[in-house]
Amino acid sequence: MSSKKFSFSYHSFLATWSLVSNKFKNEECPSKLISHPTRDDISKYQKLNATIVGISVDSLFALGKFREEQKLPFDLLSDFNKDVATKYDSLYEQFPKFGLKGVTKRSAFVIDKQGVVKYAEVLADASKVPDFDKIKEVLENCGQ
């Protein structure tokens, strides 16, 4: 994905199982903790017929640069207005460490071809990352 703006419809991804992961930034747990395990296991996700989509409240320009620098083989989408984070209950009222508003929680969702959430993990503790083994297990079971 470049930093070009485009309209996105989640329904365009529903031909495959989807893993949607919010990525976040803070000094203790950089975004790489989520993006790198996903990037490094991309072939496993592809074999499970899963489409990876990263969503962040960062700007599309910041996401374009992050994707390029980290060589991520999946799209990063900007939820700058925090619509998705709000709908998926992934937004801190107030980030505990600095009192910031508008910070998203680390989250991962598996959404099936019909748009039904089959797995949701929303972590209030910013030092934790989603359980990637559990996500792969859910994806494996969804394919049966």
N, C-alpha and C. Protein backbone atom coordinates (compact mmCIF):
# COMPACT_ATOMS: atom_id res chain seq x y z
N MET A 1 0.84 -1.18 0.00
CA MET A 1 0.00 0.00 0.00
C MET A 1 0.88 1.23 0.00
N SER A 2 0.60 2.12 -0.88
CA SER A 2 1.32 3.38 -0.87
C SER A 2 0.59 4.33 0.06
N SER A 3 1.05 5.54 0.13
CA SER A 3 0.38 6.52 0.97
C SER A 3 -0.77 7.19 0.23
N LYS A 4 -1.18 6.63 -0.89
CA LYS A 4 -2.31 7.17 -1.63
C LYS A 4 -3.59 6.86 -0.88
N LYS A 5 -4.51 7.79 -0.92
CA LYS A 5 -5.80 7.60 -0.26
C LYS A 5 -6.71 6.81 -1.19
N PHE A 6 -7.42 5.83 -0.62
CA PHE A 6 -8.40 5.10 -1.39
C PHE A 6 -9.52 4.69 -0.46
N SER A 7 -10.65 4.44 -1.05
CA SER A 7 -11.80 4.00 -0.27
C SER A 7 -11.69 2.50 -0.06
N PHE A 8 -12.00 2.06 1.14
CA PHE A 8 -11.86 0.65 1.47
C PHE A 8 -13.20 0.10 1.92
N SER A 9 -13.56 -1.02 1.36
CA SER A 9 -14.76 -1.74 1.80
C SER A 9 -14.30 -3.07 2.35
N TYR A 10 -14.60 -3.33 3.61
CA TYR A 10 -14.17 -4.59 4.21
C TYR A 10 -14.75 -5.77 3.45
N HIS A 11 -15.92 -5.61 2.87
CA HIS A 11 -16.55 -6.72 2.15
C HIS A 11 -15.70 -7.24 1.00
N SER A 12 -14.79 -6.41 0.50
CA SER A 12 -13.92 -6.87 -0.58
C SER A 12 -12.94 -7.94 -0.09
N PHE A 13 -12.73 -8.03 1.21
CA PHE A 13 -11.82 -9.03 1.77
C PHE A 13 -12.52 -10.30 2.21
N LEU A 14 -13.83 -10.35 2.12
CA LEU A 14 -14.56 -11.47 2.70
C LEU A 14 -14.53 -12.74 1.85
N ALA A 15 -13.79 -12.73 0.77
CA ALA A 15 -13.65 -13.96 -0.02
C ALA A 15 -12.74 -14.95 0.69
N THR A 16 -11.97 -14.47 1.65
CA THR A 16 -11.09 -15.34 2.42
C THR A 16 -11.32 -15.05 3.90
N TRP A 17 -10.79 -15.88 4.76
CA TRP A 17 -10.80 -15.59 6.19
C TRP A 17 -9.91 -14.37 6.38
N SER A 18 -10.22 -13.55 7.32
CA SER A 18 -9.43 -12.34 7.51
C SER A 18 -8.93 -12.25 8.94
N LEU A 19 -7.69 -11.87 9.08
CA LEU A 19 -7.12 -11.53 10.37
C LEU A 19 -6.91 -10.04 10.35
N VAL A 20 -7.61 -9.36 11.20
CA VAL A 20 -7.49 -7.92 11.29
C VAL A 20 -6.78 -7.61 12.59
N SER A 21 -5.71 -6.88 12.52
CA SER A 21 -4.93 -6.60 13.71
C SER A 21 -4.69 -5.11 13.82
N ASN A 22 -5.04 -4.56 14.99
CA ASN A 22 -4.68 -3.18 15.26
C ASN A 22 -3.23 -3.16 15.70
N LYS A 23 -2.48 -2.18 15.24
CA LYS A 23 -1.11 -2.04 15.69
C LYS A 23 -1.00 -0.71 16.41
N PHE A 24 -0.14 -0.65 17.36
CA PHE A 24 -0.03 0.54 18.18
C PHE A 24 1.42 0.85 18.44
N LYS A 25 1.65 2.04 18.90
CA LYS A 25 3.00 2.46 19.22
C LYS A 25 3.08 2.91 20.67
N ASN A 26 4.08 2.48 21.37
CA ASN A 26 4.47 3.06 22.64
C ASN A 26 5.90 2.62 22.91
N GLU A 27 6.55 3.24 23.85
CA GLU A 27 7.98 2.99 24.02
C GLU A 27 8.31 1.57 24.45
N GLU A 28 7.42 0.88 25.16
CA GLU A 28 7.72 -0.46 25.64
C GLU A 28 7.47 -1.53 24.59
N CYS A 29 6.44 -1.38 23.80
CA CYS A 29 6.04 -2.43 22.86
C CYS A 29 5.80 -1.82 21.49
N PRO A 30 6.86 -1.65 20.70
CA PRO A 30 6.68 -1.03 19.40
C PRO A 30 5.82 -1.88 18.47
N SER A 31 5.32 -1.25 17.46
CA SER A 31 4.44 -1.89 16.48
C SER A 31 5.05 -3.15 15.90
N LYS A 32 6.35 -3.24 15.89
CA LYS A 32 7.04 -4.39 15.32
C LYS A 32 6.66 -5.69 16.02
N LEU A 33 6.25 -5.61 17.29
CA LEU A 33 5.89 -6.82 18.03
C LEU A 33 4.68 -7.51 17.41
N ILE A 34 3.81 -6.77 16.77
CA ILE A 34 2.66 -7.37 16.10
C ILE A 34 2.96 -7.60 14.63
N SER A 35 3.52 -6.62 13.96
CA SER A 35 3.69 -6.72 12.52
C SER A 35 4.74 -7.76 12.12
N HIS A 36 5.82 -7.89 12.87
CA HIS A 36 6.87 -8.83 12.47
C HIS A 36 6.45 -10.30 12.57
N PRO A 37 5.80 -10.75 13.67
CA PRO A 37 5.36 -12.15 13.67
C PRO A 37 4.37 -12.44 12.54
N THR A 38 3.53 -11.48 12.23
CA THR A 38 2.57 -11.67 11.14
C THR A 38 3.31 -11.71 9.81
N ARG A 39 4.24 -10.78 9.62
CA ARG A 39 5.03 -10.74 8.38
C ARG A 39 5.83 -12.02 8.21
N ASP A 40 6.48 -12.46 9.27
CA ASP A 40 7.37 -13.61 9.18
C ASP A 40 6.62 -14.92 8.97
N ASP A 41 5.34 -14.96 9.32
CA ASP A 41 4.52 -16.17 9.15
C ASP A 41 3.51 -16.03 8.01
N ILE A 42 3.73 -15.09 7.12
CA ILE A 42 2.73 -14.80 6.08
C ILE A 42 2.39 -16.04 5.27
N SER A 43 3.34 -16.90 4.98
CA SER A 43 3.04 -18.09 4.17
C SER A 43 2.10 -19.03 4.92
N LYS A 44 2.24 -19.12 6.24
CA LYS A 44 1.32 -19.96 7.03
C LYS A 44 -0.10 -19.41 6.95
N TYR A 45 -0.24 -18.09 7.04
CA TYR A 45 -1.56 -17.48 6.94
C TYR A 45 -2.15 -17.68 5.54
N GLN A 46 -1.32 -17.56 4.53
CA GLN A 46 -1.80 -17.75 3.16
C GLN A 46 -2.28 -19.18 2.95
N LYS A 47 -1.57 -20.17 3.51
CA LYS A 47 -2.00 -21.57 3.40
C LYS A 47 -3.34 -21.80 4.11
N LEU A 48 -3.64 -20.96 5.09
CA LEU A 48 -4.92 -21.05 5.81
C LEU A 48 -6.00 -20.21 5.13
N ASN A 49 -5.69 -19.69 3.94
CA ASN A 49 -6.61 -18.87 3.16
C ASN A 49 -7.04 -17.61 3.92
N ALA A 50 -6.09 -17.03 4.65
CA ALA A 50 -6.36 -15.83 5.44
C ALA A 50 -5.76 -14.60 4.75
N THR A 51 -6.47 -13.53 4.81
CA THR A 51 -5.99 -12.24 4.33
C THR A 51 -5.66 -11.40 5.55
N ILE A 52 -4.45 -10.88 5.61
CA ILE A 52 -4.02 -10.05 6.73
C ILE A 52 -4.28 -8.59 6.39
N VAL A 53 -4.86 -7.87 7.33
CA VAL A 53 -5.07 -6.44 7.20
C VAL A 53 -4.67 -5.82 8.54
N GLY A 54 -3.76 -4.87 8.51
CA GLY A 54 -3.40 -4.14 9.73
C GLY A 54 -4.15 -2.82 9.73
N ILE A 55 -4.70 -2.47 10.87
CA ILE A 55 -5.42 -1.21 11.00
C ILE A 55 -4.79 -0.40 12.12
N SER A 56 -4.60 0.88 11.89
CA SER A 56 -3.96 1.75 12.87
C SER A 56 -4.63 3.12 12.84
N VAL A 57 -4.54 3.83 13.94
CA VAL A 57 -5.05 5.20 13.96
C VAL A 57 -4.00 6.19 13.45
N ASP A 58 -2.87 5.68 13.02
CA ASP A 58 -1.84 6.53 12.41
C ASP A 58 -2.33 7.02 11.05
N SER A 59 -1.70 8.06 10.55
CA SER A 59 -2.08 8.61 9.24
C SER A 59 -1.68 7.64 8.14
N LEU A 60 -2.33 7.75 7.00
CA LEU A 60 -1.99 6.88 5.88
C LEU A 60 -0.56 7.12 5.42
N PHE A 61 -0.04 8.32 5.59
CA PHE A 61 1.34 8.60 5.20
C PHE A 61 2.32 7.88 6.13
N ALA A 62 2.05 7.92 7.44
CA ALA A 62 2.91 7.22 8.40
C ALA A 62 2.85 5.71 8.16
N LEU A 63 1.67 5.21 7.85
CA LEU A 63 1.52 3.77 7.61
C LEU A 63 2.24 3.34 6.34
N GLY A 64 2.19 4.17 5.32
CA GLY A 64 2.90 3.86 4.07
C GLY A 64 4.40 3.75 4.31
N LYS A 65 4.93 4.67 5.09
CA LYS A 65 6.36 4.65 5.41
C LYS A 65 6.70 3.44 6.30
N PHE A 66 5.86 3.16 7.30
CA PHE A 66 6.10 2.01 8.19
C PHE A 66 6.07 0.71 7.40
N ARG A 67 5.10 0.56 6.51
CA ARG A 67 4.99 -0.66 5.71
C ARG A 67 6.23 -0.84 4.84
N GLU A 68 6.67 0.24 4.24
CA GLU A 68 7.85 0.18 3.38
C GLU A 68 9.11 -0.16 4.19
N GLU A 69 9.32 0.52 5.32
CA GLU A 69 10.50 0.28 6.15
C GLU A 69 10.55 -1.14 6.70
N GLN A 70 9.39 -1.67 7.07
CA GLN A 70 9.33 -3.00 7.69
C GLN A 70 9.12 -4.12 6.68
N LYS A 71 8.97 -3.74 5.41
CA LYS A 71 8.77 -4.71 4.32
C LYS A 71 7.59 -5.64 4.62
N LEU A 72 6.47 -5.03 4.97
CA LEU A 72 5.28 -5.80 5.31
C LEU A 72 4.54 -6.24 4.05
N PRO A 73 4.21 -7.53 3.93
CA PRO A 73 3.54 -8.04 2.74
C PRO A 73 2.01 -8.00 2.84
N PHE A 74 1.48 -7.13 3.66
CA PHE A 74 0.03 -6.99 3.81
C PHE A 74 -0.30 -5.51 3.95
N ASP A 75 -1.55 -5.20 3.67
CA ASP A 75 -1.99 -3.81 3.70
C ASP A 75 -2.15 -3.29 5.12
N LEU A 76 -1.83 -2.01 5.29
CA LEU A 76 -2.08 -1.29 6.53
C LEU A 76 -3.09 -0.20 6.20
N LEU A 77 -4.16 -0.17 6.95
CA LEU A 77 -5.24 0.78 6.71
C LEU A 77 -5.29 1.80 7.84
N SER A 78 -5.53 3.03 7.49
CA SER A 78 -5.61 4.10 8.48
C SER A 78 -7.04 4.25 8.99
N ASP A 79 -7.18 4.17 10.29
CA ASP A 79 -8.44 4.44 10.98
C ASP A 79 -8.27 5.75 11.76
N PHE A 80 -7.80 6.74 11.04
CA PHE A 80 -7.43 8.02 11.66
C PHE A 80 -8.57 8.62 12.47
N ASN A 81 -9.79 8.45 11.99
CA ASN A 81 -10.96 8.99 12.70
C ASN A 81 -11.46 8.07 13.81
N LYS A 82 -10.82 6.92 13.95
CA LYS A 82 -11.08 5.96 15.02
C LYS A 82 -12.46 5.31 14.95
N ASP A 83 -13.04 5.24 13.76
CA ASP A 83 -14.35 4.61 13.59
C ASP A 83 -14.29 3.11 13.86
N VAL A 84 -13.31 2.42 13.28
CA VAL A 84 -13.19 0.97 13.45
C VAL A 84 -12.82 0.65 14.90
N ALA A 85 -11.86 1.37 15.45
CA ALA A 85 -11.43 1.13 16.84
C ALA A 85 -12.60 1.29 17.80
N THR A 86 -13.46 2.24 17.53
CA THR A 86 -14.63 2.46 18.39
C THR A 86 -15.62 1.31 18.23
N LYS A 87 -15.91 0.92 17.00
CA LYS A 87 -16.87 -0.16 16.75
C LYS A 87 -16.41 -1.50 17.32
N TYR A 88 -15.09 -1.73 17.34
CA TYR A 88 -14.56 -3.00 17.83
C TYR A 88 -14.09 -2.89 19.28
N ASP A 89 -14.48 -1.84 19.96
CA ASP A 89 -14.18 -1.63 21.38
C ASP A 89 -12.68 -1.76 21.65
N SER A 90 -11.88 -1.16 20.79
CA SER A 90 -10.43 -1.25 20.89
C SER A 90 -9.78 0.09 21.20
N LEU A 91 -10.53 0.97 21.81
CA LEU A 91 -10.03 2.32 22.07
C LEU A 91 -9.99 2.56 23.58
N TYR A 92 -8.84 3.00 24.07
CA TYR A 92 -8.76 3.38 25.48
C TYR A 92 -9.58 4.66 25.69
N GLU A 93 -10.32 4.71 26.79
CA GLU A 93 -10.94 5.99 27.17
C GLU A 93 -9.81 6.99 27.43
N GLN A 94 -8.81 6.49 28.17
CA GLN A 94 -7.62 7.28 28.46
C GLN A 94 -6.48 6.29 28.61
N PHE A 95 -5.43 6.48 27.82
CA PHE A 95 -4.28 5.57 27.88
C PHE A 95 -3.66 5.67 29.26
N PRO A 96 -3.53 4.53 29.96
CA PRO A 96 -3.13 4.55 31.37
C PRO A 96 -1.79 5.22 31.68
N LYS A 97 -0.81 5.03 30.82
CA LYS A 97 0.53 5.49 31.15
C LYS A 97 0.72 7.00 31.03
N PHE A 98 0.14 7.59 30.00
CA PHE A 98 0.38 9.01 29.75
C PHE A 98 -0.88 9.86 29.80
N GLY A 99 -2.03 9.23 29.99
CA GLY A 99 -3.28 9.97 30.02
C GLY A 99 -3.71 10.47 28.66
N LEU A 100 -3.22 9.85 27.59
CA LEU A 100 -3.59 10.27 26.24
C LEU A 100 -4.95 9.73 25.86
N LYS A 101 -5.65 10.44 25.01
CA LYS A 101 -6.93 9.98 24.48
C LYS A 101 -6.74 9.62 23.02
N GLY A 102 -7.55 8.66 22.54
CA GLY A 102 -7.48 8.28 21.14
C GLY A 102 -6.44 7.22 20.84
N VAL A 103 -5.92 6.56 21.86
CA VAL A 103 -4.94 5.50 21.67
C VAL A 103 -5.69 4.17 21.60
N THR A 104 -5.31 3.33 20.65
CA THR A 104 -5.99 2.04 20.50
C THR A 104 -5.28 0.95 21.29
N LYS A 105 -6.06 -0.05 21.66
CA LYS A 105 -5.54 -1.22 22.36
C LYS A 105 -5.01 -2.20 21.33
N ARG A 106 -4.04 -2.99 21.73
CA ARG A 106 -3.58 -4.07 20.86
C ARG A 106 -4.73 -5.04 20.70
N SER A 107 -5.03 -5.38 19.47
CA SER A 107 -6.20 -6.21 19.19
C SER A 107 -5.96 -7.09 17.97
N ALA A 108 -6.66 -8.21 17.93
CA ALA A 108 -6.64 -9.08 16.76
C ALA A 108 -8.02 -9.70 16.62
N PHE A 109 -8.50 -9.79 15.39
CA PHE A 109 -9.81 -10.36 15.11
C PHE A 109 -9.69 -11.30 13.93
N VAL A 110 -10.38 -12.42 14.00
CA VAL A 110 -10.53 -13.31 12.85
C VAL A 110 -11.98 -13.17 12.42
N ILE A 111 -12.16 -12.81 11.18
CA ILE A 111 -13.50 -12.55 10.64
C ILE A 111 -13.73 -13.48 9.46
N ASP A 112 -14.86 -14.21 9.47
CA ASP A 112 -15.08 -15.20 8.42
C ASP A 112 -15.62 -14.56 7.14
N LYS A 113 -15.87 -15.40 6.16
CA LYS A 113 -16.28 -14.95 4.83
C LYS A 113 -17.62 -14.21 4.84
N GLN A 114 -18.42 -14.47 5.85
CA GLN A 114 -19.72 -13.80 5.97
C GLN A 114 -19.63 -12.53 6.82
N GLY A 115 -18.45 -12.21 7.31
CA GLY A 115 -18.27 -11.01 8.12
C GLY A 115 -18.52 -11.24 9.60
N VAL A 116 -18.58 -12.51 10.02
CA VAL A 116 -18.82 -12.85 11.42
C VAL A 116 -17.48 -12.95 12.15
N VAL A 117 -17.38 -12.29 13.29
CA VAL A 117 -16.16 -12.35 14.08
C VAL A 117 -16.08 -13.71 14.76
N LYS A 118 -15.06 -14.49 14.41
CA LYS A 118 -14.86 -15.83 14.97
C LYS A 118 -13.88 -15.82 16.14
N TYR A 119 -13.08 -14.78 16.22
CA TYR A 119 -12.11 -14.67 17.30
C TYR A 119 -11.85 -13.19 17.52
N ALA A 120 -11.83 -12.79 18.78
CA ALA A 120 -11.51 -11.41 19.13
C ALA A 120 -10.61 -11.41 20.35
N GLU A 121 -9.56 -10.64 20.27
CA GLU A 121 -8.65 -10.47 21.39
C GLU A 121 -8.31 -8.99 21.47
N VAL A 122 -8.82 -8.34 22.51
CA VAL A 122 -8.57 -6.93 22.74
C VAL A 122 -7.83 -6.83 24.08
N LEU A 123 -6.62 -6.35 24.04
CA LEU A 123 -5.76 -6.35 25.22
C LEU A 123 -5.67 -4.97 25.86
N ALA A 124 -6.09 -4.88 27.10
CA ALA A 124 -6.01 -3.62 27.83
C ALA A 124 -4.58 -3.31 28.27
N ASP A 125 -3.77 -4.36 28.42
CA ASP A 125 -2.37 -4.21 28.84
C ASP A 125 -1.50 -4.02 27.60
N ALA A 126 -0.97 -2.82 27.44
CA ALA A 126 -0.18 -2.48 26.24
C ALA A 126 1.14 -3.24 26.15
N SER A 127 1.55 -3.91 27.21
CA SER A 127 2.79 -4.66 27.16
C SER A 127 2.59 -6.06 26.60
N LYS A 128 1.35 -6.45 26.35
CA LYS A 128 1.01 -7.78 25.82
C LYS A 128 0.80 -7.70 24.31
N VAL A 129 0.92 -8.85 23.65
CA VAL A 129 0.62 -8.95 22.22
C VAL A 129 -0.41 -10.06 22.03
N PRO A 130 -1.15 -10.03 20.93
CA PRO A 130 -2.13 -11.09 20.68
C PRO A 130 -1.48 -12.47 20.64
N ASP A 131 -2.27 -13.48 20.92
CA ASP A 131 -1.83 -14.87 20.94
C ASP A 131 -1.86 -15.41 19.51
N PHE A 132 -0.73 -15.33 18.82
CA PHE A 132 -0.68 -15.72 17.42
C PHE A 132 -0.92 -17.21 17.23
N ASP A 133 -0.51 -18.03 18.19
CA ASP A 133 -0.79 -19.48 18.09
C ASP A 133 -2.29 -19.74 18.15
N LYS A 134 -2.98 -19.04 19.02
CA LYS A 134 -4.44 -19.19 19.13
C LYS A 134 -5.12 -18.72 17.84
N ILE A 135 -4.63 -17.65 17.29
CA ILE A 135 -5.20 -17.13 16.03
C ILE A 135 -5.06 -18.17 14.93
N LYS A 136 -3.87 -18.77 14.81
CA LYS A 136 -3.66 -19.80 13.79
C LYS A 136 -4.55 -21.01 14.04
N GLU A 137 -4.74 -21.37 15.30
CA GLU A 137 -5.62 -22.49 15.66
C GLU A 137 -7.06 -22.20 15.23
N VAL A 138 -7.52 -20.99 15.49
CA VAL A 138 -8.88 -20.60 15.08
C VAL A 138 -9.00 -20.66 13.56
N LEU A 139 -8.01 -20.13 12.86
CA LEU A 139 -8.04 -20.17 11.40
C LEU A 139 -8.05 -21.60 10.87
N GLU A 140 -7.26 -22.48 11.48
CA GLU A 140 -7.25 -23.89 11.07
C GLU A 140 -8.61 -24.53 11.28
N ASN A 141 -9.24 -24.25 12.42
CA ASN A 141 -10.56 -24.82 12.72
C ASN A 141 -11.66 -24.23 11.85
N CYS A 142 -11.49 -22.99 11.43
CA CYS A 142 -12.49 -22.35 10.58
C CYS A 142 -12.52 -22.96 9.19
N GLY A 143 -11.40 -23.49 8.76
CA GLY A 143 -11.31 -24.07 7.43
C GLY A 143 -11.91 -25.46 7.31
N GLN A 144 -12.35 -26.02 8.41
CA GLN A 144 -12.88 -27.39 8.39
C GLN A 144 -14.36 -27.42 8.11
